Amino acid sequence: MFITLSFLNGYMPVDMQKLIQNKDAIINSIQNRGPSLPVQIARDVNLTLLFASAYLSELYGERKIKMSNMKVGSSPLYYLQGQEPMLENFVQYLNNKEKEAFNLLKNNKLLDDEKLDPAIRVAIRFIKDFAVPIRIKIDENSKIFWKHFSVPDEEVKNIAQELIGKKKEKKVKHTEKETEKQETLAKKKEVKSDKQKEDEKEDQLEQLKRKIEKISEELKKPELAEQKKEMKRKERKPKIVEESKFVKDLKEYLLSKKIELLETKEFSKKDFLGKVRIDSLFGKQEYLLIAKEKKKITEEDLTIALHKAQLEKMPALLMSPGDIDKKASEHAKIWQNLVKFEKIKF
């Protein structure tokens, strides 16, 4: 039997009072526990992971809770406004470079993006829960700095002024030293003979030549490394993965139903993950498409589909030539604003 997608049907609560109570219980759980995983919240409020994930998705959409960029395993953390400092309890789940970037930022409070090691510069952009990018105007130029999320704006201004002041002071001192050095050299030159001046010029030219050679060699190192990388990239032959019959039939089916395939994220012989767009009465709607070649779609399949879509911040569309079992079907009806199922026939 083919189930037609409906865009007029909305959220179908079984018991509105119960739904409100469950949402309140989830908020209380996060308030008591702090940043939490869906599985922990589900256990606290005595719900299945599917229902807990659906409630969390709705609460996040209502902006009553927040979701971390950091992942514990494959799942984000959910927390309340004001619990941001508690996310630092999960820093161990960052990779090594991200931890290094976090510790550097926490210790210094403010970091100049230009002065960061390239690897740290990349890592700091991935710890969005802790690193806040700001632009600071210095003379006529604008520079990117990173501040630790807990540092107040007023303190950031003071630190920035101190950093900029030290930089300018260092520059002035350097200029003064150079001037003194040049004046001293000029005086010495006045009392030297022509022969001494000639010898000195030769020595200086030789030193300069050595410096240029050294700098040239240093510059060649990253260039050669980059050339080697480029050669390796060219040598690598792109791996072509042939689409299975299921994937090909699925794409033809989408085309026949005028469902626009926006992106293919991944696929295997019996699975497909991508983004699609469907015309509705209210305009175009995007979905995370999860297609499975299975004889039976279970509650676990719904839970996984909902969780993947939740990470993409979009509703899920689950497709399969198989039937959906009774329990999963009941859940799909209740949460049809978040996850939809369609049986497909090739």
Protein backbone atom coordinates (compact mmCIF):
# COMPACT_ATOMS: atom_id res chain seq x y z
CA MET A 1 0.00 0.00 0.00
CA PHE A 2 1.35 3.45 -0.97
CA ILE A 3 1.22 6.18 1.66
CA THR A 4 0.87 9.67 0.19
CA LEU A 5 2.80 12.44 1.92
CA SER A 6 0.45 14.99 3.45
CA PHE A 7 1.53 18.58 3.98
CA LEU A 8 -1.77 19.76 5.49
CA ASN A 9 -1.79 17.42 8.43
CA GLY A 10 0.03 18.86 11.36
CA TYR A 11 1.01 17.69 14.77
CA MET A 12 -1.49 15.09 16.11
CA PRO A 13 -1.23 15.00 19.92
CA VAL A 14 -2.66 11.96 21.66
CA ASP A 15 -2.93 13.83 24.92
CA MET A 16 -1.93 17.49 24.87
CA GLN A 17 -1.66 17.66 28.65
CA LYS A 18 0.66 14.64 28.64
CA LEU A 19 2.84 16.21 25.95
CA ILE A 20 3.18 19.42 27.96
CA GLN A 21 4.05 17.43 31.07
CA ASN A 22 6.72 15.46 29.20
CA LYS A 23 8.28 18.65 27.85
CA ASP A 24 8.35 20.16 31.35
CA ALA A 25 9.91 16.94 32.69
CA ILE A 26 12.65 17.11 30.04
CA ILE A 27 13.44 20.75 30.89
CA ASN A 28 13.57 19.85 34.62
CA SER A 29 15.90 16.94 33.83
CA ILE A 30 18.31 19.21 31.94
CA GLN A 31 18.05 21.84 34.67
CA ASN A 32 19.06 19.28 37.33
CA ARG A 33 21.61 17.33 35.31
CA GLY A 34 23.11 20.09 33.16
CA PRO A 35 24.11 19.46 29.52
CA SER A 36 22.76 16.00 28.70
CA LEU A 37 22.57 13.40 25.95
CA PRO A 38 19.19 12.27 24.54
CA VAL A 39 19.67 8.78 25.98
CA GLN A 40 20.20 10.23 29.50
CA ILE A 41 17.13 12.45 29.22
CA ALA A 42 15.02 9.53 27.91
CA ARG A 43 16.03 7.49 30.95
CA ASP A 44 15.29 10.35 33.37
CA VAL A 45 11.76 11.00 32.09
CA ASN A 46 10.94 7.36 31.34
CA LEU A 47 10.51 7.74 27.57
CA THR A 48 11.81 5.78 24.60
CA LEU A 49 14.78 7.35 22.82
CA LEU A 50 12.55 8.03 19.80
CA PHE A 51 10.02 10.02 21.82
CA ALA A 52 12.70 11.83 23.83
CA SER A 53 14.53 12.82 20.61
CA ALA A 54 11.27 14.10 19.10
CA TYR A 55 10.50 16.18 22.20
CA LEU A 56 14.05 17.57 22.21
CA SER A 57 13.76 18.50 18.56
CA GLU A 58 10.54 20.42 19.23
CA LEU A 59 11.92 22.15 22.34
CA TYR A 60 15.00 23.17 20.36
CA GLY A 61 12.79 24.50 17.56
CA GLU A 62 10.83 26.48 20.17
CA ARG A 63 14.17 27.87 21.48
CA LYS A 64 13.45 26.60 24.98
CA ILE A 65 16.67 24.57 25.02
CA LYS A 66 20.04 24.82 23.25
CA MET A 67 22.08 22.24 21.34
CA SER A 68 25.88 22.02 21.39
CA ASN A 69 28.09 21.98 18.30
CA MET A 70 30.33 19.53 20.14
CA LYS A 71 29.42 15.86 19.75
CA VAL A 72 29.71 13.11 22.35
CA GLY A 73 29.99 10.10 20.11
CA SER A 74 27.56 11.04 17.34
CA SER A 75 25.09 12.96 19.51
CA PRO A 76 25.02 16.63 20.58
CA LEU A 77 24.39 17.80 24.11
CA TYR A 78 21.21 19.65 25.08
CA TYR A 79 21.36 22.40 27.69
CA LEU A 80 19.56 25.48 28.99
CA GLN A 81 20.47 29.15 28.70
CA GLY A 82 23.11 29.89 31.34
CA GLN A 83 24.55 26.35 31.40
CA GLU A 84 27.20 27.15 28.76
CA PRO A 85 30.12 26.98 31.29
CA MET A 86 29.10 23.40 32.12
CA LEU A 87 29.96 22.33 28.57
CA GLU A 88 33.62 22.53 29.63
CA ASN A 89 33.00 19.28 31.55
CA PHE A 90 32.92 17.54 28.16
CA VAL A 91 36.15 18.96 26.69
CA GLN A 92 37.69 15.47 26.79
CA TYR A 93 35.48 14.54 23.84
CA LEU A 94 37.27 17.06 21.59
CA ASN A 95 40.13 15.80 19.42
CA ASN A 96 43.73 16.58 20.41
CA LYS A 97 44.14 19.76 18.35
CA GLU A 98 40.74 21.06 19.46
CA LYS A 99 41.73 20.46 23.11
CA GLU A 100 44.99 22.32 22.49
CA ALA A 101 43.09 25.22 20.93
CA PHE A 102 40.61 25.25 23.83
CA ASN A 103 43.34 25.30 26.51
CA LEU A 104 45.27 28.03 24.66
CA LEU A 105 42.14 30.16 24.40
CA LYS A 106 41.08 29.61 28.00
CA ASN A 107 44.52 30.52 29.33
CA ASN A 108 44.95 33.64 27.16
CA LYS A 109 41.28 34.72 26.99
CA LEU A 110 41.93 36.45 23.65
CA LEU A 111 43.95 35.19 20.67
CA ASP A 112 45.11 36.90 17.49
CA ASP A 113 44.04 34.69 14.56
CA GLU A 114 47.07 35.69 12.45
CA LYS A 115 49.55 34.55 15.09
CA LEU A 116 48.04 31.09 15.57
CA ASP A 117 49.70 27.95 14.28
CA PRO A 118 47.83 26.81 11.10
CA ALA A 119 46.55 23.62 12.75
CA ILE A 120 45.28 25.57 15.79
CA ARG A 121 43.74 28.18 13.50
CA VAL A 122 41.67 25.40 11.88
CA ALA A 123 40.83 23.67 15.18
CA ILE A 124 39.61 26.84 16.90
CA ARG A 125 36.95 27.25 14.21
CA PHE A 126 35.45 23.90 15.20
CA ILE A 127 35.05 24.63 18.93
CA LYS A 128 32.15 27.03 18.43
CA ASP A 129 30.79 26.32 21.91
CA PHE A 130 33.87 27.98 23.45
CA ALA A 131 35.49 30.23 20.82
CA VAL A 132 33.75 33.45 19.74
CA PRO A 133 35.16 35.29 16.68
CA ILE A 134 35.39 39.09 16.92
CA ARG A 135 36.80 41.76 14.60
CA ILE A 136 38.99 44.52 16.03
CA LYS A 137 39.97 47.57 14.01
CA ILE A 138 43.65 48.50 14.29
CA ASP A 139 44.47 51.78 12.56
CA GLU A 140 42.91 51.31 9.10
CA ASN A 141 42.91 47.51 9.17
CA SER A 142 40.46 45.00 10.66
CA LYS A 143 41.76 41.82 12.32
CA ILE A 144 40.11 38.63 13.56
CA PHE A 145 40.54 37.70 17.22
CA TRP A 146 39.07 34.79 19.18
CA LYS A 147 37.72 35.29 22.68
CA HIS A 148 36.77 32.68 25.25
CA PHE A 149 32.97 32.70 25.51
CA SER A 150 33.04 33.52 29.24
CA VAL A 151 35.17 36.68 28.89
CA PRO A 152 33.04 39.87 29.21
CA ASP A 153 33.19 42.38 26.35
CA GLU A 154 34.70 45.06 28.59
CA GLU A 155 37.57 42.78 29.56
CA VAL A 156 38.07 41.88 25.88
CA LYS A 157 38.50 45.60 25.10
CA ASN A 158 41.13 45.99 27.83
CA ILE A 159 43.07 42.91 26.71
CA ALA A 160 42.91 44.01 23.06
CA GLN A 161 44.14 47.51 23.91
CA GLU A 162 47.00 46.02 25.92
CA LEU A 163 47.98 43.68 23.06
CA ILE A 164 47.81 46.48 20.47
CA GLY A 165 49.71 48.85 22.80
CA LYS A 166 52.53 46.34 23.32
CA LYS A 167 52.74 45.76 19.60
CA LYS A 168 53.06 49.47 18.83
CA GLU A 169 55.56 50.02 21.68
CA LYS A 170 57.68 47.15 20.40
CA LYS A 171 57.60 48.62 16.91
CA VAL A 172 58.69 52.07 18.19
CA LYS A 173 61.56 50.58 20.25
CA HIS A 174 62.67 48.54 17.27
CA THR A 175 62.72 51.67 15.09
CA GLU A 176 64.72 53.62 17.72
CA LYS A 177 67.30 50.83 17.97
CA GLU A 178 67.67 50.71 14.21
CA THR A 179 68.21 54.49 14.11
CA GLU A 180 70.87 54.33 16.85
CA LYS A 181 72.57 51.47 15.08
CA GLN A 182 72.69 53.35 11.79
CA GLU A 183 74.09 56.49 13.46
CA THR A 184 76.84 54.45 15.15
CA LEU A 185 77.75 52.78 11.87
CA ALA A 186 77.87 56.17 10.11
CA LYS A 187 80.35 57.53 12.69
CA LYS A 188 82.57 54.49 12.39
CA LYS A 189 82.58 54.71 8.63
CA GLU A 190 83.90 58.27 8.79
CA VAL A 191 87.16 57.18 10.43
CA LYS A 192 87.76 54.09 8.34
CA SER A 193 90.14 54.01 5.40
CA ASP A 194 89.04 53.26 1.87
CA LYS A 195 90.49 49.76 2.16
CA GLN A 196 88.56 49.05 5.34
CA LYS A 197 85.36 50.36 3.75
CA GLU A 198 85.87 48.10 0.75
CA ASP A 199 86.55 45.04 2.93
CA GLU A 200 83.52 45.80 5.03
CA LYS A 201 81.29 46.06 1.96
CA GLU A 202 82.52 42.70 0.73
CA ASP A 203 81.83 41.11 4.12
CA GLN A 204 78.36 42.62 4.24
CA LEU A 205 77.58 41.43 0.72
CA GLU A 206 78.76 37.93 1.59
CA GLN A 207 76.61 37.88 4.75
CA LEU A 208 73.63 39.18 2.81
CA LYS A 209 74.16 36.52 0.16
CA ARG A 210 74.19 33.78 2.82
CA LYS A 211 71.03 35.17 4.39
CA ILE A 212 69.25 35.28 1.02
CA GLU A 213 70.32 31.69 0.28
CA LYS A 214 69.07 30.57 3.69
CA ILE A 215 65.73 32.35 3.27
CA SER A 216 65.38 30.92 -0.22
CA GLU A 217 65.96 27.40 1.10
CA GLU A 218 63.39 27.93 3.86
CA LEU A 219 60.85 29.18 1.35
CA LYS A 220 61.41 26.17 -0.87
CA LYS A 221 60.60 23.68 1.88
CA PRO A 222 56.83 24.31 2.11
CA GLU A 223 56.75 24.82 -1.66
CA LEU A 224 58.36 21.43 -2.28
CA ALA A 225 56.09 19.82 0.30
CA GLU A 226 53.07 21.31 -1.44
CA GLN A 227 54.37 20.10 -4.83
CA LYS A 228 54.75 16.58 -3.45
CA LYS A 229 51.21 16.68 -2.07
CA GLU A 230 49.91 17.90 -5.41
CA MET A 231 51.75 15.10 -7.22
CA LYS A 232 50.26 12.54 -4.84
CA ARG A 233 46.80 13.99 -5.37
CA LYS A 234 47.25 13.69 -9.14
CA GLU A 235 48.55 10.14 -8.80
CA ARG A 236 45.52 9.08 -6.80
CA LYS A 237 42.82 7.70 -9.00
CA PRO A 238 39.32 8.67 -7.94
CA LYS A 239 37.46 5.74 -6.48
CA ILE A 240 34.28 5.21 -8.44
CA VAL A 241 31.54 3.50 -6.43
CA GLU A 242 28.92 1.95 -8.64
CA GLU A 243 25.32 2.52 -7.60
CA SER A 244 23.29 -0.56 -6.74
CA LYS A 245 19.98 -1.39 -8.42
CA PHE A 246 18.16 -0.16 -5.30
CA VAL A 247 19.84 3.26 -5.46
CA LYS A 248 19.21 3.60 -9.21
CA ASP A 249 15.55 2.60 -8.81
CA LEU A 250 15.18 5.04 -5.91
CA LYS A 251 16.50 7.95 -7.98
CA GLU A 252 14.13 7.08 -10.82
CA TYR A 253 11.27 6.91 -8.33
CA LEU A 254 12.12 10.35 -6.94
CA LEU A 255 12.21 11.72 -10.45
CA SER A 256 8.81 10.21 -11.29
CA LYS A 257 7.29 11.78 -8.15
CA LYS A 258 8.87 15.17 -8.94
CA ILE A 259 10.93 14.99 -5.75
CA GLU A 260 14.11 17.02 -6.28
CA LEU A 261 17.34 15.34 -5.12
CA LEU A 262 19.52 18.16 -3.75
CA GLU A 263 22.46 16.19 -2.40
CA THR A 264 23.68 12.60 -2.14
CA LYS A 265 25.46 12.29 1.20
CA GLU A 266 26.24 8.57 1.22
CA PHE A 267 24.93 5.25 -0.11
CA SER A 268 25.58 1.53 -0.04
CA LYS A 269 23.97 -1.48 -1.64
CA LYS A 270 20.76 -1.28 0.42
CA ASP A 271 20.89 2.19 2.00
CA PHE A 272 20.76 5.78 0.79
CA LEU A 273 21.17 9.09 2.61
CA GLY A 274 20.61 12.47 0.97
CA LYS A 275 18.69 15.74 0.95
CA VAL A 276 15.53 16.24 -1.10
CA ARG A 277 13.08 19.06 -1.78
CA ILE A 278 9.34 18.60 -2.29
CA ASP A 279 6.70 21.08 -3.46
CA SER A 280 3.90 21.65 -0.96
CA LEU A 281 0.93 23.98 -0.60
CA PHE A 282 3.13 26.22 1.54
CA GLY A 283 6.12 26.24 -0.78
CA LYS A 284 9.19 24.02 -1.12
CA GLN A 285 10.10 21.87 1.89
CA GLU A 286 13.48 20.19 2.38
CA TYR A 287 13.89 16.77 4.03
CA LEU A 288 16.73 14.48 5.00
CA LEU A 289 15.98 11.35 2.96
CA ILE A 290 16.81 7.99 4.55
CA ALA A 291 15.99 5.08 2.23
CA LYS A 292 16.39 1.43 3.22
CA GLU A 293 15.84 -1.79 1.25
CA LYS A 294 14.20 -3.75 4.07
CA LYS A 295 11.15 -5.96 4.41
CA LYS A 296 10.15 -4.33 7.70
CA ILE A 297 10.70 -0.82 9.08
CA THR A 298 10.94 -0.81 12.88
CA GLU A 299 10.87 1.73 15.69
CA GLU A 300 14.67 1.62 15.74
CA ASP A 301 14.77 2.68 12.08
CA LEU A 302 12.51 5.65 12.91
CA THR A 303 14.71 6.60 15.85
CA ILE A 304 17.88 6.56 13.73
CA ALA A 305 16.18 8.56 10.95
CA LEU A 306 14.91 11.15 13.42
CA HIS A 307 18.32 11.43 15.09
CA LYS A 308 20.16 11.94 11.77
CA ALA A 309 17.64 14.56 10.65
CA GLN A 310 17.90 16.29 14.01
CA LEU A 311 21.66 16.75 13.52
CA GLU A 312 20.93 18.35 10.13
CA LYS A 313 18.20 20.54 11.70
CA MET A 314 15.54 19.35 9.24
CA PRO A 315 12.62 16.85 9.15
CA ALA A 316 13.18 13.25 8.08
CA LEU A 317 11.67 11.36 5.16
CA LEU A 318 12.03 7.60 5.55
CA MET A 319 11.42 5.50 2.41
CA SER A 320 11.41 1.73 1.94
CA PRO A 321 9.80 -0.92 -0.25
CA GLY A 322 9.06 -2.80 2.97
CA ASP A 323 6.14 -2.32 5.38
CA ILE A 324 6.30 -0.30 8.58
CA ASP A 325 5.44 -2.33 11.68
CA LYS A 326 2.52 -1.38 13.91
CA LYS A 327 4.50 0.23 16.72
CA ALA A 328 6.67 2.26 14.35
CA SER A 329 3.57 3.30 12.39
CA GLU A 330 1.91 4.67 15.55
CA HIS A 331 5.01 6.70 16.35
CA ALA A 332 5.27 7.97 12.77
CA LYS A 333 1.69 9.28 12.97
CA ILE A 334 2.27 11.04 16.27
CA TRP A 335 5.51 12.68 15.10
CA GLN A 336 4.63 13.18 11.44
CA ASN A 337 5.71 16.82 11.60
CA LEU A 338 9.27 15.58 12.29
CA VAL A 339 9.51 12.25 10.49
CA LYS A 340 7.43 10.88 7.58
CA PHE A 341 7.33 7.38 6.13
CA GLU A 342 6.54 6.44 2.55
CA LYS A 343 6.35 2.93 1.17
CA ILE A 344 7.82 2.85 -2.30
CA LYS A 345 7.17 0.44 -5.16
CA PHE A 346 9.61 -0.02 -8.00
